[in-house]
């Protein structure tokens, strides 16, 4: 019997943007359930990036207390389509999350090409392979040909980006390859959402059993709910950012008015100091020769001189709505 779990992914606390909102994130619930229910002993992932899929598999291994060895294979330099995605320290983020949350698991990180990594893996030893490297047709076909012998007869291969989404106006090579693979022996299963996840196994019986056990509609509903929650979060964030921008503009206006007041007070102080100096000078001259004093500096009763125009008082944020929408 297939069990539907409600996992909490520890990696989300580290880099939620690329975990919970990554392009692979819609398949995390199924990947987790697959590992918890099928209990694969050996898993190899070709293409890890930040680890959205990697940590979904590993979370299931951790929570289930499974005796599973995981091979994480990636060069972390990208390809012709993804090289710009590696301007950040992607591998560093991956290792930090791995060490912090999944460091007790049997994980072998292989920072190399898929072909070189394959030389270290025995044939007929893997229960699950996840292919998510270059999506060019030729590259996906090559990765399949190289790694297919590593798969057990009742194992399965996951392919990402097998959906109908277009890349530069054309179906992705991973989709076209999977369409061709479906014509071969074995069985297949598909999840069309989140750019598509295709599952293939040399054992047609395994796939038929999987179809009877796991309802794709259940995982589609989870994705729909997640999308709705993300839209609500996006709306809240939009109004929050808008209100913060308006409040920042108000603060800038208050700062300008305070600067006007500061200049006004400085002018007042300077005028008083100048007037005070004139009075002192007059007193000194009067002491020296009282008859020479014309008392011009006291004509206005010791008035401090011309008073600068007083600026308006700083106001409040006004009646604008800053409630966050």
Protein backbone atom coordinates (compact mmCIF):
# COMPACT_ATOMS: atom_id res chain seq x y z
CA UNK A 1 0.00 0.00 0.00
CA UNK A 2 1.29 3.43 -0.96
CA UNK A 3 1.65 5.93 1.89
CA UNK A 4 1.29 9.65 1.26
CA UNK A 5 3.54 11.60 3.61
CA UNK A 6 3.60 15.25 4.62
CA UNK A 7 7.32 15.96 4.70
CA UNK A 8 9.05 19.00 6.09
CA UNK A 9 12.19 19.74 4.08
CA UNK A 10 14.96 20.96 6.35
CA UNK A 11 16.81 22.51 3.41
CA UNK A 12 14.08 25.14 3.04
CA UNK A 13 15.42 26.90 6.12
CA UNK A 14 18.69 27.53 4.28
CA UNK A 15 17.74 28.68 0.80
CA UNK A 16 13.97 28.68 0.39
CA UNK A 17 14.07 30.58 -2.91
CA UNK A 18 15.84 27.72 -4.71
CA UNK A 19 14.29 24.88 -2.71
CA UNK A 20 10.59 25.52 -2.18
CA UNK A 21 10.33 27.73 -5.30
CA UNK A 22 12.78 25.95 -7.62
CA UNK A 23 11.66 24.50 -10.94
CA UNK A 24 11.94 20.99 -9.50
CA UNK A 25 10.07 21.80 -6.30
CA UNK A 26 6.70 20.60 -7.60
CA UNK A 27 8.03 17.04 -7.72
CA UNK A 28 9.46 16.95 -4.20
CA UNK A 29 6.39 15.35 -2.58
CA UNK A 30 6.38 12.46 -5.07
CA UNK A 31 10.17 11.99 -4.89
CA UNK A 32 9.94 11.87 -1.11
CA UNK A 33 7.05 9.39 -1.15
CA UNK A 34 8.80 7.24 -3.77
CA UNK A 35 11.88 6.83 -1.61
CA UNK A 36 9.90 6.24 1.58
CA UNK A 37 7.68 3.61 -0.08
CA UNK A 38 10.11 1.89 -2.47
CA UNK A 39 13.15 2.13 -0.16
CA UNK A 40 15.89 2.14 -2.83
CA UNK A 41 19.32 1.03 -1.60
CA UNK A 42 21.36 2.91 -4.20
CA UNK A 43 20.47 6.25 -5.84
CA UNK A 44 22.47 8.29 -8.34
CA UNK A 45 21.57 11.82 -9.30
CA UNK A 46 23.07 13.35 -12.44
CA UNK A 47 22.80 17.09 -12.04
CA UNK A 48 22.28 18.51 -8.54
CA UNK A 49 22.54 22.29 -8.92
CA UNK A 50 21.53 23.81 -5.54
CA UNK A 51 20.04 20.50 -4.40
CA UNK A 52 16.27 20.94 -4.69
CA UNK A 53 15.80 17.34 -5.88
CA UNK A 54 18.84 15.99 -4.03
CA UNK A 55 17.55 17.04 -0.64
CA UNK A 56 14.04 15.81 -1.38
CA UNK A 57 15.46 12.31 -1.83
CA UNK A 58 17.76 12.66 1.17
CA UNK A 59 15.00 13.99 3.42
CA UNK A 60 13.10 10.77 2.77
CA UNK A 61 16.21 8.70 3.50
CA UNK A 62 16.75 10.61 6.73
CA UNK A 63 13.14 10.51 7.94
CA UNK A 64 12.73 6.85 7.02
CA UNK A 65 16.01 5.80 8.61
CA UNK A 66 16.89 4.04 5.36
CA UNK A 67 20.16 2.29 4.57
CA UNK A 68 20.64 4.10 1.26
CA UNK A 69 23.78 5.23 -0.50
CA UNK A 70 23.40 8.37 -2.58
CA UNK A 71 25.72 9.50 -5.40
CA UNK A 72 25.48 13.25 -6.07
CA UNK A 73 27.10 13.88 -9.46
CA UNK A 74 27.63 17.38 -10.85
CA UNK A 75 30.50 19.41 -12.25
CA UNK A 76 28.88 22.61 -10.93
CA UNK A 77 30.11 24.58 -13.94
CA UNK A 78 26.97 24.39 -16.08
CA UNK A 79 26.57 23.95 -19.81
CA UNK A 80 25.81 26.18 -22.79
CA UNK A 81 22.33 26.93 -21.43
CA UNK A 82 23.09 27.21 -17.73
CA UNK A 83 26.64 28.58 -17.42
CA UNK A 84 25.33 31.98 -16.25
CA UNK A 85 23.46 30.25 -13.40
CA UNK A 86 26.77 29.37 -11.78
CA UNK A 87 28.02 32.88 -11.16
CA UNK A 88 27.21 32.31 -7.49
CA UNK A 89 28.93 29.71 -5.32
CA UNK A 90 26.34 27.05 -6.12
CA UNK A 91 28.45 24.09 -5.02
CA UNK A 92 29.33 25.89 -1.79
CA UNK A 93 25.65 26.35 -0.94
CA UNK A 94 24.99 22.71 -1.82
CA UNK A 95 27.76 21.44 0.46
CA UNK A 96 26.75 23.70 3.32
CA UNK A 97 23.15 22.45 3.28
CA UNK A 98 24.29 18.86 2.84
CA UNK A 99 26.70 19.01 5.78
CA UNK A 100 24.32 20.87 8.05
CA UNK A 101 21.17 18.81 7.54
CA UNK A 102 22.14 15.51 5.93
CA UNK A 103 25.71 15.01 7.09
CA UNK A 104 24.92 11.72 8.84
CA UNK A 105 23.78 10.04 5.61
CA UNK A 106 25.84 7.94 3.21
CA UNK A 107 26.32 10.50 0.44
CA UNK A 108 29.18 10.54 -2.03
CA UNK A 109 29.57 13.90 -3.78
CA UNK A 110 31.25 13.41 -7.14
CA UNK A 111 32.30 16.74 -8.61
CA UNK A 112 33.09 15.55 -12.09
CA UNK A 113 31.43 14.77 -15.41
CA UNK A 114 28.68 12.20 -15.67
CA UNK A 115 30.87 9.96 -17.86
CA UNK A 116 33.76 9.92 -15.40
CA UNK A 117 31.45 9.25 -12.47
CA UNK A 118 29.89 6.32 -14.31
CA UNK A 119 33.26 4.54 -14.37
CA UNK A 120 33.12 4.27 -10.57
CA UNK A 121 29.63 2.74 -10.44
CA UNK A 122 29.11 -1.01 -10.82
CA UNK A 123 26.69 -2.26 -13.42
CA UNK A 124 23.29 -3.47 -12.26
CA UNK A 125 23.76 -1.76 -8.88
CA UNK A 126 21.42 1.23 -8.83
CA UNK A 127 17.75 1.21 -7.81
CA UNK A 128 17.08 4.78 -8.94
CA UNK A 129 18.78 7.19 -11.33
CA UNK A 130 17.74 10.81 -11.74
CA UNK A 131 18.92 12.39 -15.00
CA UNK A 132 18.74 16.18 -14.90
CA UNK A 133 21.80 17.51 -16.69
CA UNK A 134 21.91 19.06 -20.14
CA UNK A 135 18.50 18.97 -21.81
CA UNK A 136 19.79 18.73 -25.37
CA UNK A 137 18.43 15.58 -27.00
CA UNK A 138 21.87 14.20 -27.78
CA UNK A 139 23.11 14.77 -24.23
CA UNK A 140 20.09 13.14 -22.59
CA UNK A 141 20.39 10.16 -24.95
CA UNK A 142 24.10 9.89 -24.17
CA UNK A 143 23.54 10.03 -20.40
CA UNK A 144 20.88 7.35 -20.70
CA UNK A 145 23.10 5.06 -22.76
CA UNK A 146 26.03 5.43 -20.34
CA UNK A 147 24.03 4.98 -17.14
CA UNK A 148 21.37 2.51 -18.28
CA UNK A 149 23.69 -0.48 -17.60
CA UNK A 150 24.10 0.72 -14.00
CA UNK A 151 20.38 0.24 -13.34
CA UNK A 152 18.92 -2.89 -11.79
CA UNK A 153 16.32 -4.78 -13.80
CA UNK A 154 13.56 -3.53 -11.50
CA UNK A 155 15.01 -0.05 -11.04
CA UNK A 156 13.71 3.26 -12.38
CA UNK A 157 15.07 6.37 -14.07
CA UNK A 158 13.61 9.83 -13.44
CA UNK A 159 13.88 12.45 -16.21
CA UNK A 160 13.15 16.10 -15.47
CA UNK A 161 11.80 18.59 -18.01
CA UNK A 162 9.72 16.12 -19.98
CA UNK A 163 6.68 18.44 -20.06
CA UNK A 164 5.31 20.38 -23.00
CA UNK A 165 7.02 23.61 -21.94
CA UNK A 166 9.00 25.24 -24.72
CA UNK A 167 12.62 26.34 -24.63
CA UNK A 168 13.43 29.05 -27.18
CA UNK A 169 10.22 28.18 -28.98
CA UNK A 170 10.83 24.42 -29.24
CA UNK A 171 10.18 21.37 -27.04
CA UNK A 172 13.12 20.54 -24.83
CA UNK A 173 15.41 17.74 -25.90
CA UNK A 174 14.64 15.87 -22.69
CA UNK A 175 10.97 15.74 -23.67
CA UNK A 176 11.70 14.56 -27.21
CA UNK A 177 14.03 11.86 -25.90
CA UNK A 178 11.47 10.65 -23.37
CA UNK A 179 8.82 10.50 -26.08
CA UNK A 180 11.12 8.22 -28.07
CA UNK A 181 11.98 6.16 -24.99
CA UNK A 182 8.30 5.50 -24.36
CA UNK A 183 8.24 3.50 -27.60
CA UNK A 184 10.88 1.11 -26.28
CA UNK A 185 10.38 -1.88 -24.01
CA UNK A 186 9.63 -1.25 -20.37
CA UNK A 187 7.07 1.01 -18.75
CA UNK A 188 6.68 4.71 -18.19
CA UNK A 189 4.76 7.18 -16.06
CA UNK A 190 4.53 10.97 -16.29
CA UNK A 191 3.76 14.01 -14.19
CA UNK A 192 3.07 16.91 -16.60
CA UNK A 193 3.32 19.78 -14.08
CA UNK A 194 6.45 21.64 -12.90
CA UNK A 195 8.08 21.25 -16.33
CA UNK A 196 7.34 17.55 -16.31
CA UNK A 197 8.80 14.48 -14.63
CA UNK A 198 9.09 11.29 -16.66
CA UNK A 199 9.66 7.90 -15.05
CA UNK A 200 10.92 4.91 -17.01
CA UNK A 201 11.75 1.39 -15.92
CA UNK A 202 12.88 -1.70 -17.84
CA UNK A 203 10.23 -3.47 -15.77
CA UNK A 204 6.79 -2.73 -17.12
CA UNK A 205 5.29 -4.50 -14.11
CA UNK A 206 7.03 -2.11 -11.75
CA UNK A 207 5.56 0.92 -13.52
CA UNK A 208 2.06 -0.57 -13.64
CA UNK A 209 2.24 -1.26 -9.92
CA UNK A 210 3.42 2.29 -9.35
CA UNK A 211 0.52 3.69 -11.38
CA UNK A 212 -1.95 1.69 -9.31
CA UNK A 213 -0.37 2.79 -6.04
CA UNK A 214 0.49 6.48 -6.54
CA UNK A 215 -2.20 8.85 -7.80
CA UNK A 216 -0.73 11.63 -9.99
CA UNK A 217 -3.83 13.69 -9.24
CA UNK A 218 -2.84 13.82 -5.58
CA UNK A 219 0.50 15.39 -6.44
CA UNK A 220 -1.13 17.73 -8.94
CA UNK A 221 -3.40 19.00 -6.16
CA UNK A 222 -0.39 19.59 -3.93
CA UNK A 223 1.25 21.65 -6.66
CA UNK A 224 -1.95 23.63 -7.23
CA UNK A 225 -2.18 24.37 -3.50
CA UNK A 226 1.46 25.37 -3.37
CA UNK A 227 1.03 27.67 -6.38
CA UNK A 228 -1.98 29.30 -4.71
CA UNK A 229 -0.02 29.85 -1.50
CA UNK A 230 2.90 31.30 -3.46
CA UNK A 231 0.59 33.70 -5.28
CA UNK A 232 -0.86 34.86 -1.96
CA UNK A 233 2.64 35.33 -0.59
CA UNK A 234 3.64 37.24 -3.72
CA UNK A 235 0.61 39.52 -3.37
CA UNK A 236 1.39 40.21 0.30
CA UNK A 237 5.02 40.89 -0.50
CA UNK A 238 4.02 43.25 -3.32
CA UNK A 239 1.85 45.41 -1.05
CA UNK A 240 4.46 45.29 1.71
CA UNK A 241 7.18 46.46 -0.68
CA UNK A 242 4.87 49.15 -2.08
CA UNK A 243 4.07 50.47 1.41
CA UNK A 244 7.72 50.37 2.43
CA UNK A 245 8.64 52.37 -0.68
CA UNK A 246 5.98 54.97 0.14
CA UNK A 247 7.17 55.13 3.74
CA UNK A 248 10.75 55.53 2.54
CA UNK A 249 9.67 58.44 0.34
CA UNK A 250 7.98 60.04 3.36
CA UNK A 251 11.12 59.59 5.45
CA UNK A 252 13.20 61.20 2.71
CA UNK A 253 10.79 64.16 2.66
CA UNK A 254 11.02 64.50 6.45
CA UNK A 255 14.79 64.40 6.18
CA UNK A 256 14.74 67.23 3.65
CA UNK A 257 12.51 69.32 5.95
CA UNK A 258 14.75 68.62 8.92
CA UNK A 259 17.74 69.72 6.87
CA UNK A 260 15.87 73.01 6.15
CA UNK A 261 15.29 73.47 9.87
CA UNK A 262 18.92 72.75 10.60
CA UNK A 263 20.01 75.40 8.12
CA UNK A 264 17.51 77.85 9.66
CA UNK A 265 18.85 77.27 13.16
CA UNK A 266 22.43 77.54 11.97
CA UNK A 267 21.60 80.90 10.34
CA UNK A 268 19.92 82.10 13.54
CA UNK A 269 22.91 81.08 15.60
CA UNK A 270 25.34 82.70 13.20
CA UNK A 271 23.35 85.98 13.18
CA UNK A 272 23.23 86.05 16.97
CA UNK A 273 26.95 85.39 17.21
CA UNK A 274 27.69 88.17 14.72
CA UNK A 275 25.38 90.59 16.55
CA UNK A 276 26.88 89.66 19.87
CA UNK A 277 30.34 90.36 18.54
CA UNK A 278 29.23 93.81 17.32
CA UNK A 279 27.84 94.63 20.77
CA UNK A 280 31.05 93.53 22.47
CA UNK A 281 33.10 95.57 20.03
CA UNK A 282 30.89 98.58 20.74
CA UNK A 283 31.29 98.19 24.47
CA UNK A 284 35.04 97.97 24.10
CA UNK A 285 35.16 101.11 21.95
CA UNK A 286 32.91 102.96 24.42
CA UNK A 287 35.28 102.17 27.24
CA UNK A 288 38.16 103.50 25.21
CA UNK A 289 36.45 106.73 24.02
CA UNK A 290 32.83 107.19 25.12
CA UNK A 291 32.45 110.39 23.09
CA UNK A 292 33.17 108.50 19.84
CA UNK A 293 30.31 106.01 20.27
CA UNK A 294 27.36 106.65 17.96
CA UNK A 295 25.29 103.78 19.50
CA UNK A 296 24.36 102.58 16.02
CA UNK A 297 24.55 98.96 17.08
CA UNK A 298 21.94 99.58 19.73
CA UNK A 299 19.45 101.47 17.64
CA UNK A 300 17.14 98.47 17.69
CA UNK A 301 17.63 97.71 21.35
CA UNK A 302 20.24 95.05 20.81
CA UNK A 303 18.15 93.30 18.11
CA UNK A 304 20.00 90.21 16.86
CA UNK A 305 19.71 91.33 13.27
CA UNK A 306 17.83 89.94 10.30
CA UNK A 307 16.00 86.72 11.15
CA UNK A 308 15.95 84.07 8.43
CA UNK A 309 12.62 82.82 7.19
CA UNK A 310 11.37 79.95 9.31
CA UNK A 311 10.73 76.65 7.40
CA UNK A 312 7.50 74.74 7.71
CA UNK A 313 7.29 72.09 10.42
CA UNK A 314 7.93 68.46 9.52
CA UNK A 315 4.67 66.67 8.95
CA UNK A 316 3.44 63.13 9.47
CA UNK A 317 3.14 60.34 6.92
CA UNK A 318 -0.26 61.66 5.95
CA UNK A 319 -3.45 59.76 5.45
CA UNK A 320 -2.01 57.16 3.08
CA UNK A 321 -2.86 53.51 3.68
CA UNK A 322 0.23 51.61 4.79
CA UNK A 323 -1.59 48.53 5.96
CA UNK A 324 -0.03 46.25 3.40
CA UNK A 325 -2.97 45.86 1.05
